[in-house]
Amino acid sequence: MRHHLPPLNALRAFEVTGRTGSLSAASRELGVSVGAVSRHVNLLEDYLGYKLFLRQHNGMLLTQGGELYHDQIASAFDLIDNASRSRHVGTKHAIRFRAYTSFATDWLSPRLPDFRRRHPDIAVQLKQSLNETNFASEPIDAAISALPVLQRDVLSVDLFNTIFLLVCADGGTRTRALEGDFFSADAPPILFARRERPFWEQYFDRMNLPAPPFANGLEFDNLSLTYQAARNGAGIALGQLFLVADDLMTGRLVPAARACVELDIPHRFVYRTGRDASTDVNALKCWMLDQASQTKAQMTKIRAELDHL
């Protein structure tokens, strides 16, 4: 039997746009540009001879005919998906994902239950490491990196840039920090990890302050421990804004400075492509981008409120 089918790429673009209600969300899930998704939708509308969406300023709304067609198309894609999955029973492995400690502990881990709710059939095996991932020699599907991607069959998307802000628990420590009291004999100690010392120096330099008083501070093994100590009132930590945004929104931490310092150090989601790629990595990538977008909205609000301290 010969089938009369529209272009399959156009069908897929329509299905995802209808499900997400957004061309930009569909472009992220499909890994193509917003313009490409829009062209596919227009192509399908021309093929069918009627409008599938009402274009609105806040998204894409299915027409009555579009909603009926979408229900039928979505069912067809579900059948294809189920048939494809059934051929791989027993061979599917968890996404092997590597992230540095503070990213895994302070940003990713609290959000992973949401990924599990959205994708109950996808397992994630999270490993913590400070080393860069070599996809050519290591069994890793995706990683977090601050370095440019120079490896074959590996792509990346930017999640966050590096923005620093001094943070502490609310109270007297904050008052003294806002007054610039870092150097007196009884000043609140700075809480630092050895690897972060250069960033403290850059922060103080940008704020036109003398060198950080490391000798009177408390040194920790990693950044996450400095945040935990700050929450407990031990002193002042240098917060990566995206890592401490949740704490700042809930009041577990408060700003200890009136300004941020931004460095050109991006934090990227890096993932394997080609024949060795995990088929589930795209779902993880899209989810990461969505979560990062929500965190960046928090960061914008936090920075705006610094002007009122």
Protein backbone atom coordinates (compact mmCIF):
# COMPACT_ATOMS: atom_id res chain seq x y z
CA MET A 1 0.00 0.00 0.00
CA ARG A 2 1.38 3.37 -0.99
CA HIS A 3 1.20 6.01 1.74
CA HIS A 4 0.40 9.66 1.06
CA LEU A 5 2.58 11.35 3.68
CA PRO A 6 3.67 14.94 4.19
CA PRO A 7 7.41 15.53 4.69
CA LEU A 8 8.34 13.72 7.90
CA ASN A 9 10.57 16.54 9.17
CA ALA A 10 7.61 18.90 8.86
CA LEU A 11 5.41 16.47 10.79
CA ARG A 12 7.99 16.21 13.55
CA ALA A 13 8.37 20.00 13.78
CA PHE A 14 4.58 20.34 13.99
CA GLU A 15 4.28 17.66 16.69
CA VAL A 16 6.94 19.23 18.92
CA THR A 17 5.68 22.80 18.40
CA GLY A 18 2.14 21.74 19.21
CA ARG A 19 3.27 19.90 22.33
CA THR A 20 5.49 22.71 23.66
CA GLY A 21 3.46 25.65 22.38
CA SER A 22 6.63 27.44 21.32
CA LEU A 23 8.85 27.61 18.26
CA SER A 24 11.91 28.30 20.41
CA ALA A 25 11.22 25.32 22.70
CA ALA A 26 10.71 23.13 19.63
CA SER A 27 13.99 24.34 18.14
CA ARG A 28 15.86 23.38 21.32
CA GLU A 29 14.32 19.91 21.42
CA LEU A 30 14.95 19.27 17.73
CA GLY A 31 18.42 20.84 17.68
CA VAL A 32 17.62 23.17 14.76
CA SER A 33 17.02 26.90 14.42
CA VAL A 34 13.71 28.61 15.17
CA GLY A 35 13.54 29.62 11.51
CA ALA A 36 13.88 25.99 10.40
CA VAL A 37 11.01 24.93 12.68
CA SER A 38 8.84 27.76 11.36
CA ARG A 39 9.57 26.81 7.74
CA HIS A 40 8.65 23.18 8.43
CA VAL A 41 5.35 24.24 10.00
CA ASN A 42 4.57 26.53 7.06
CA LEU A 43 5.40 23.70 4.65
CA LEU A 44 2.97 21.37 6.41
CA GLU A 45 0.24 24.03 6.41
CA ASP A 46 0.73 24.51 2.66
CA TYR A 47 0.58 20.74 2.15
CA LEU A 48 -2.65 20.37 4.14
CA GLY A 49 -4.27 23.56 2.89
CA TYR A 50 -5.27 25.01 6.26
CA LYS A 51 -3.77 26.77 9.25
CA LEU A 52 -2.49 24.65 12.12
CA PHE A 53 -1.54 27.46 14.51
CA LEU A 54 -2.56 30.92 15.59
CA ARG A 55 0.66 32.90 15.98
CA GLN A 56 0.52 34.86 19.24
CA HIS A 57 3.08 37.08 20.97
CA ASN A 58 3.46 34.57 23.81
CA GLY A 59 3.50 31.36 21.81
CA MET A 60 1.82 29.15 19.23
CA LEU A 61 -1.84 28.17 19.79
CA LEU A 62 -3.25 25.20 17.88
CA THR A 63 -6.32 25.91 15.76
CA GLN A 64 -9.30 23.57 16.04
CA GLY A 65 -8.14 21.69 12.95
CA GLY A 66 -4.55 21.78 14.19
CA GLU A 67 -5.52 20.32 17.55
CA LEU A 68 -7.37 17.41 15.93
CA TYR A 69 -4.49 16.72 13.54
CA HIS A 70 -1.94 17.00 16.35
CA ASP A 71 -3.74 14.37 18.43
CA GLN A 72 -3.58 11.94 15.52
CA ILE A 73 0.04 12.74 14.66
CA ALA A 74 1.17 12.48 18.29
CA SER A 75 -0.38 9.02 18.53
CA ALA A 76 1.49 7.97 15.40
CA PHE A 77 4.81 9.20 16.81
CA ASP A 78 4.09 7.35 20.06
CA LEU A 79 3.62 4.13 18.09
CA ILE A 80 6.90 4.68 16.23
CA ASP A 81 8.69 5.47 19.49
CA ASN A 82 7.35 2.36 21.22
CA ALA A 83 8.27 0.17 18.26
CA SER A 84 11.80 1.59 18.21
CA ARG A 85 12.28 1.14 21.96
CA SER A 86 11.09 -2.45 21.84
CA ARG A 87 14.01 -3.33 19.56
CA HIS A 88 16.51 -2.14 22.16
CA VAL A 89 15.22 -3.82 25.29
CA GLY A 90 18.19 -4.94 27.38
CA THR A 91 20.75 -2.85 25.46
CA LYS A 92 19.98 0.64 26.73
CA HIS A 93 22.40 2.11 29.25
CA ALA A 94 22.16 5.08 31.56
CA ILE A 95 23.47 8.44 30.36
CA ARG A 96 27.01 8.65 31.72
CA PHE A 97 27.30 12.27 32.80
CA ARG A 98 30.31 13.95 34.41
CA ALA A 99 30.28 17.30 36.20
CA TYR A 100 32.62 19.10 38.55
CA THR A 101 31.72 18.88 42.23
CA SER A 102 30.08 22.25 42.85
CA PHE A 103 27.98 22.04 39.67
CA ALA A 104 26.81 18.53 40.54
CA THR A 105 26.16 19.28 44.21
CA ASP A 106 24.75 22.80 44.21
CA TRP A 107 22.93 23.08 40.89
CA LEU A 108 22.33 19.74 39.20
CA SER A 109 21.48 17.32 42.00
CA PRO A 110 18.53 19.33 43.38
CA ARG A 111 17.03 19.43 39.88
CA LEU A 112 17.52 15.82 38.79
CA PRO A 113 14.22 14.65 40.38
CA ASP A 114 12.45 16.94 37.90
CA PHE A 115 14.26 15.26 35.00
CA ARG A 116 13.25 11.89 36.41
CA ARG A 117 9.60 12.94 36.55
CA ARG A 118 9.69 14.16 32.96
CA HIS A 119 11.69 11.22 31.62
CA PRO A 120 11.04 8.21 33.86
CA ASP A 121 12.51 5.86 31.24
CA ILE A 122 15.90 7.64 31.09
CA ALA A 123 18.50 6.90 33.75
CA VAL A 124 21.39 9.27 34.51
CA GLN A 125 24.65 8.07 36.04
CA LEU A 126 26.25 11.19 37.53
CA LYS A 127 29.97 11.24 38.26
CA GLN A 128 31.88 14.08 39.92
CA SER A 129 35.33 15.07 38.71
CA LEU A 130 37.51 18.16 38.47
CA ASN A 131 39.25 16.80 35.36
CA GLU A 132 38.24 17.61 31.81
CA THR A 133 36.60 14.74 29.93
CA ASN A 134 38.37 13.03 27.04
CA PHE A 135 35.51 11.59 25.00
CA ALA A 136 37.93 9.68 22.78
CA SER A 137 39.22 7.53 25.62
CA GLU A 138 36.56 7.66 28.34
CA PRO A 139 33.09 6.03 28.42
CA ILE A 140 31.25 9.32 28.96
CA ASP A 141 28.15 10.52 27.08
CA ALA A 142 28.00 14.12 28.35
CA ALA A 143 29.89 16.45 30.67
CA ILE A 144 30.12 19.98 32.01
CA SER A 145 33.16 21.91 30.81
CA ALA A 146 34.56 25.44 30.93
CA LEU A 147 36.95 24.84 28.01
CA PRO A 148 36.39 25.09 24.23
CA VAL A 149 35.39 21.84 22.54
CA LEU A 150 38.22 20.59 20.31
CA GLN A 151 37.37 16.89 20.19
CA ARG A 152 35.95 14.97 17.25
CA ASP A 153 32.25 14.05 17.29
CA VAL A 154 31.64 16.27 20.31
CA LEU A 155 29.35 19.32 20.44
CA SER A 156 28.46 21.79 23.16
CA VAL A 157 25.85 24.34 24.21
CA ASP A 158 26.46 27.20 26.62
CA LEU A 159 24.56 27.12 29.91
CA PHE A 160 26.01 29.93 32.05
CA ASN A 161 28.73 32.52 32.06
CA THR A 162 30.85 33.08 35.17
CA ILE A 163 29.43 35.79 37.44
CA PHE A 164 30.80 36.18 40.97
CA LEU A 165 29.08 37.74 43.97
CA LEU A 166 30.15 37.71 47.62
CA VAL A 167 27.56 35.89 49.76
CA CYS A 168 27.04 35.07 53.43
CA ALA A 169 24.34 34.29 55.97
CA ASP A 170 22.15 37.22 56.99
CA GLY A 171 23.27 39.22 60.02
CA GLY A 172 26.30 41.13 61.20
CA THR A 173 28.67 39.48 58.73
CA ARG A 174 26.69 40.94 55.86
CA THR A 175 26.67 44.44 57.37
CA ARG A 176 30.42 44.47 57.78
CA ALA A 177 31.02 43.06 54.30
CA LEU A 178 28.82 45.74 52.73
CA GLU A 179 30.95 48.31 54.57
CA GLY A 180 34.09 46.78 53.03
CA ASP A 181 35.40 45.44 56.35
CA PHE A 182 37.54 42.54 55.16
CA PHE A 183 40.88 43.54 56.68
CA SER A 184 40.39 44.49 60.34
CA ALA A 185 41.61 42.12 63.05
CA ASP A 186 38.11 40.85 63.81
CA ALA A 187 36.72 41.00 60.24
CA PRO A 188 34.55 38.08 59.11
CA PRO A 189 36.80 35.43 57.50
CA ILE A 190 36.66 34.74 53.79
CA LEU A 191 35.82 31.14 52.90
CA PHE A 192 37.79 29.89 49.92
CA ALA A 193 38.83 26.80 48.01
CA ARG A 194 42.44 26.66 46.85
CA ARG A 195 41.43 26.40 43.18
CA GLU A 196 39.33 29.56 43.55
CA ARG A 197 42.09 31.82 44.91
CA PRO A 198 42.74 33.45 41.49
CA PHE A 199 39.04 34.34 41.23
CA TRP A 200 39.09 35.97 44.67
CA GLU A 201 42.08 38.02 43.52
CA GLN A 202 40.30 39.07 40.32
CA TYR A 203 37.15 39.96 42.26
CA PHE A 204 39.01 42.14 44.78
CA ASP A 205 41.00 43.77 41.97
CA ARG A 206 37.81 44.65 40.06
CA MET A 207 36.35 46.11 43.27
CA ASN A 208 39.54 48.21 43.78
CA LEU A 209 40.35 46.41 47.03
CA PRO A 210 43.74 45.17 48.31
CA ALA A 211 44.63 41.50 47.92
CA PRO A 212 42.21 39.10 49.64
CA PRO A 213 43.16 38.28 53.27
CA PHE A 214 43.70 34.56 52.71
CA ALA A 215 45.87 34.28 55.83
CA ASN A 216 42.87 35.16 58.02
CA GLY A 217 40.41 33.05 56.02
CA LEU A 218 39.25 29.45 56.10
CA GLU A 219 40.35 27.13 53.30
CA PHE A 220 38.17 24.27 52.05
CA ASP A 221 38.63 21.42 49.62
CA ASN A 222 35.97 22.57 47.17
CA LEU A 223 33.56 25.39 46.41
CA SER A 224 30.48 23.55 47.71
CA LEU A 225 31.99 23.38 51.19
CA THR A 226 32.55 27.14 51.21
CA TYR A 227 28.85 27.65 50.43
CA GLN A 228 27.79 25.30 53.20
CA ALA A 229 30.05 27.09 55.66
CA ALA A 230 28.61 30.44 54.57
CA ARG A 231 25.05 29.16 55.10
CA ASN A 232 26.08 28.22 58.62
CA GLY A 233 27.39 31.72 59.33
CA ALA A 234 31.12 30.93 59.19
CA GLY A 235 32.06 33.85 56.96
CA ILE A 236 31.94 35.18 53.40
CA ALA A 237 32.06 33.00 50.28
CA LEU A 238 32.68 33.92 46.65
CA GLY A 239 29.50 32.73 45.00
CA GLN A 240 29.19 31.61 41.41
CA LEU A 241 25.87 33.33 40.85
CA PHE A 242 24.15 30.44 39.10
CA LEU A 243 25.28 28.04 41.84
CA VAL A 244 23.95 30.19 44.69
CA ALA A 245 20.86 31.64 42.96
CA ASP A 246 18.51 29.21 44.73
CA ASP A 247 20.05 30.09 48.10
CA LEU A 248 19.72 33.81 47.41
CA MET A 249 16.09 33.46 46.33
CA THR A 250 15.18 31.55 49.51
CA GLY A 251 17.27 33.65 51.90
CA ARG A 252 19.64 30.88 52.95
CA LEU A 253 22.35 33.21 51.65
CA VAL A 254 22.28 36.97 51.09
CA PRO A 255 24.47 39.27 48.98
CA ALA A 256 27.54 40.55 50.83
CA ALA A 257 28.40 43.08 48.10
CA ARG A 258 26.57 45.57 45.92
CA ALA A 259 28.14 44.48 42.64
CA CYS A 260 28.92 41.35 40.64
CA VAL A 261 32.08 40.63 38.70
CA GLU A 262 31.65 38.84 35.38
CA LEU A 263 34.40 36.81 33.72
CA ASP A 264 34.40 35.36 30.22
CA ILE A 265 34.39 31.74 31.38
CA PRO A 266 31.37 29.86 30.01
CA HIS A 267 30.00 26.69 31.54
CA ARG A 268 29.01 24.31 28.74
CA PHE A 269 27.01 21.12 28.37
CA VAL A 270 29.28 18.97 26.20
CA TYR A 271 28.00 15.79 24.58
CA ARG A 272 29.05 12.99 22.31
CA THR A 273 27.66 12.77 18.76
CA GLY A 274 28.09 10.23 15.98
CA ARG A 275 27.49 6.50 16.08
CA ASP A 276 28.58 6.15 19.73
CA ALA A 277 26.14 8.81 20.95
CA SER A 278 23.42 8.00 23.48
CA THR A 279 19.96 8.52 21.96
CA ASP A 280 18.74 10.01 25.26
CA VAL A 281 21.35 12.76 25.52
CA ASN A 282 19.24 15.17 23.46
CA ALA A 283 16.46 14.95 26.05
CA LEU A 284 18.97 15.71 28.80
CA LYS A 285 20.43 18.60 26.80
CA CYS A 286 17.01 20.19 26.22
CA TRP A 287 16.10 19.79 29.87
CA MET A 288 19.41 21.35 30.96
CA LEU A 289 18.81 24.35 28.70
CA ASP A 290 15.32 24.79 30.11
CA GLN A 291 16.56 24.62 33.70
CA ALA A 292 19.42 27.02 32.91
CA SER A 293 16.91 29.49 31.46
CA GLN A 294 14.95 29.45 34.71
CA THR A 295 18.10 29.99 36.76
CA LYS A 296 19.20 32.88 34.54
CA ALA A 297 15.83 34.56 35.17
CA GLN A 298 16.58 34.30 38.90
CA MET A 299 20.05 35.75 38.32
CA THR A 300 18.61 38.76 36.49
CA LYS A 301 16.26 39.46 39.40
CA ILE A 302 19.06 39.11 41.95
CA ARG A 303 21.34 41.52 40.08
CA ALA A 304 18.54 44.08 39.77
CA GLU A 305 17.98 43.99 43.53
CA LEU A 306 21.67 44.68 44.29
CA ASP A 307 21.09 48.33 43.40
CA HIS A 308 18.81 48.68 46.44
CA LEU A 309 21.27 47.38 49.07
